[in-house]
Amino acid sequence: MRYLLDASALVELFLSLEAKSLVGILRKCCILDLTVYEFCNALWKLAKIRKQISEETADWSETPREDDLWKQNQGHWSMDGS
């Protein structure tokens, strides 16, 4: 079964789980195209405005670009390429 995550759910998972657990869950999930932008914006807001996370945690400059994710998933937003 696949789960559709919105940005708020993705942020909660990101903040509450260890990386290994998070990756395991994300392999079973799909996201919408704007979720990437909304997720990054939420992290920025948590770091810069609310000061609830470090700027290092919110830095996603090393993450794949949207176009790369789209191509990798053959036009479907899925965390595992299907």
C-alpha atoms as a PDB file:
ATOM      1  CA  MET A   1       0.000   0.000   0.000  1.00  0.00           C
ATOM      2  CA  ARG A   2       1.262   3.499  -0.883  1.00  0.00           C
ATOM      3  CA  TYR A   3       0.705   6.577   1.246  1.00  0.00           C
ATOM      4  CA  LEU A   4       0.436  10.129  -0.046  1.00  0.00           C
ATOM      5  CA  LEU A   5       2.310  12.601   2.147  1.00  0.00           C
ATOM      6  CA  ASP A   6       1.766  16.324   2.200  1.00  0.00           C
ATOM      7  CA  ALA A   7       4.465  18.719   3.355  1.00  0.00           C
ATOM      8  CA  SER A   8       3.222  18.953   6.940  1.00  0.00           C
ATOM      9  CA  ALA A   9       3.296  15.170   7.353  1.00  0.00           C
ATOM     10  CA  LEU A  10       6.741  15.017   5.770  1.00  0.00           C
ATOM     11  CA  VAL A  11       8.083  17.697   8.124  1.00  0.00           C
ATOM     12  CA  GLU A  12       6.714  15.866  11.180  1.00  0.00           C
ATOM     13  CA  LEU A  13       8.334  12.621  10.048  1.00  0.00           C
ATOM     14  CA  PHE A  14      11.607  14.402   9.295  1.00  0.00           C
ATOM     15  CA  LEU A  15      11.735  16.007  12.734  1.00  0.00           C
ATOM     16  CA  SER A  16      10.673  12.980  14.748  1.00  0.00           C
ATOM     17  CA  LEU A  17      12.469   9.997  13.171  1.00  0.00           C
ATOM     18  CA  GLU A  18      16.038   8.829  12.781  1.00  0.00           C
ATOM     19  CA  ALA A  19      17.301   8.846   9.183  1.00  0.00           C
ATOM     20  CA  LYS A  20      17.164   5.063   8.763  1.00  0.00           C
ATOM     21  CA  SER A  21      13.551   4.856   9.969  1.00  0.00           C
ATOM     22  CA  LEU A  22      12.575   7.837   7.835  1.00  0.00           C
ATOM     23  CA  VAL A  23      14.012   6.289   4.677  1.00  0.00           C
ATOM     24  CA  GLY A  24      12.128   3.056   5.364  1.00  0.00           C
ATOM     25  CA  ILE A  25       8.835   4.909   5.645  1.00  0.00           C
ATOM     26  CA  LEU A  26       9.467   7.147   2.631  1.00  0.00           C
ATOM     27  CA  ARG A  27      10.017   4.115   0.412  1.00  0.00           C
ATOM     28  CA  LYS A  28       6.314   3.375   0.871  1.00  0.00           C
ATOM     29  CA  CYS A  29       5.164   6.918   0.128  1.00  0.00           C
ATOM     30  CA  CYS A  30       4.370   9.276  -2.725  1.00  0.00           C
ATOM     31  CA  ILE A  31       4.333  13.069  -2.758  1.00  0.00           C
ATOM     32  CA  LEU A  32       2.733  15.729  -4.907  1.00  0.00           C
ATOM     33  CA  ASP A  33       4.867  18.005  -7.066  1.00  0.00           C
ATOM     34  CA  LEU A  34       4.640  21.053  -4.774  1.00  0.00           C
ATOM     35  CA  THR A  35       5.469  19.039  -1.658  1.00  0.00           C
ATOM     36  CA  VAL A  36       9.205  19.457  -2.253  1.00  0.00           C
ATOM     37  CA  TYR A  37       8.897  23.253  -2.266  1.00  0.00           C
ATOM     38  CA  GLU A  38       6.493  23.337   0.686  1.00  0.00           C
ATOM     39  CA  PHE A  39       8.739  21.014   2.696  1.00  0.00           C
ATOM     40  CA  CYS A  40      11.839  23.146   2.095  1.00  0.00           C
ATOM     41  CA  ASN A  41       9.895  26.310   2.902  1.00  0.00           C
ATOM     42  CA  ALA A  42       8.673  24.786   6.170  1.00  0.00           C
ATOM     43  CA  LEU A  43      12.243  23.865   7.155  1.00  0.00           C
ATOM     44  CA  TRP A  44      13.430  27.375   6.313  1.00  0.00           C
ATOM     45  CA  LYS A  45      10.671  28.873   8.450  1.00  0.00           C
ATOM     46  CA  LEU A  46      11.466  26.564  11.373  1.00  0.00           C
ATOM     47  CA  ALA A  47      15.146  27.558  11.196  1.00  0.00           C
ATOM     48  CA  LYS A  48      15.081  31.263  10.313  1.00  0.00           C
ATOM     49  CA  ILE A  49      11.875  32.577  11.842  1.00  0.00           C
ATOM     50  CA  ARG A  50      10.912  30.239  14.671  1.00  0.00           C
ATOM     51  CA  LYS A  51      14.487  29.154  15.551  1.00  0.00           C
ATOM     52  CA  GLN A  52      13.183  25.639  16.346  1.00  0.00           C
ATOM     53  CA  ILE A  53      15.790  23.810  14.270  1.00  0.00           C
ATOM     54  CA  SER A  54      19.340  24.650  13.278  1.00  0.00           C
ATOM     55  CA  GLU A  55      20.128  26.172   9.909  1.00  0.00           C
ATOM     56  CA  GLU A  56      22.311  23.139   9.256  1.00  0.00           C
ATOM     57  CA  THR A  57      19.289  20.855   9.671  1.00  0.00           C
ATOM     58  CA  ALA A  58      17.273  23.029   7.310  1.00  0.00           C
ATOM     59  CA  ASP A  59      19.999  23.207   4.633  1.00  0.00           C
ATOM     60  CA  TRP A  60      18.846  21.198   1.629  1.00  0.00           C
ATOM     61  CA  SER A  61      21.428  22.474  -0.863  1.00  0.00           C
ATOM     62  CA  GLU A  62      22.779  18.929  -1.236  1.00  0.00           C
ATOM     63  CA  THR A  63      19.415  17.379  -2.106  1.00  0.00           C
ATOM     64  CA  PRO A  64      18.485  16.334  -5.644  1.00  0.00           C
ATOM     65  CA  ARG A  65      16.771  18.926  -7.771  1.00  0.00           C
ATOM     66  CA  GLU A  66      13.113  18.560  -8.662  1.00  0.00           C
ATOM     67  CA  ASP A  67      13.890  17.731 -12.302  1.00  0.00           C
ATOM     68  CA  ASP A  68      16.201  14.920 -11.234  1.00  0.00           C
ATOM     69  CA  LEU A  69      13.543  13.444  -8.951  1.00  0.00           C
ATOM     70  CA  TRP A  70      10.910  13.692 -11.676  1.00  0.00           C
ATOM     71  CA  LYS A  71      13.118  11.978 -14.277  1.00  0.00           C
ATOM     72  CA  GLN A  72      14.199   9.300 -11.831  1.00  0.00           C
ATOM     73  CA  ASN A  73      10.566   8.455 -11.128  1.00  0.00           C
ATOM     74  CA  GLN A  74       9.438   8.485 -14.779  1.00  0.00           C
ATOM     75  CA  GLY A  75       7.001  11.318 -14.214  1.00  0.00           C
ATOM     76  CA  HIS A  76       5.551   9.980 -10.958  1.00  0.00           C
ATOM     77  CA  TRP A  77       6.323  11.495  -7.588  1.00  0.00           C
ATOM     78  CA  SER A  78       7.367   8.506  -5.561  1.00  0.00           C
ATOM     79  CA  MET A  79      10.103   8.152  -3.014  1.00  0.00           C
ATOM     80  CA  ASP A  80      11.225   4.746  -4.313  1.00  0.00           C
ATOM     81  CA  GLY A  81      11.161   5.295  -8.071  1.00  0.00           C
ATOM     82  CA  SER A  82       7.934   3.406  -8.789  1.00  0.00           C
END
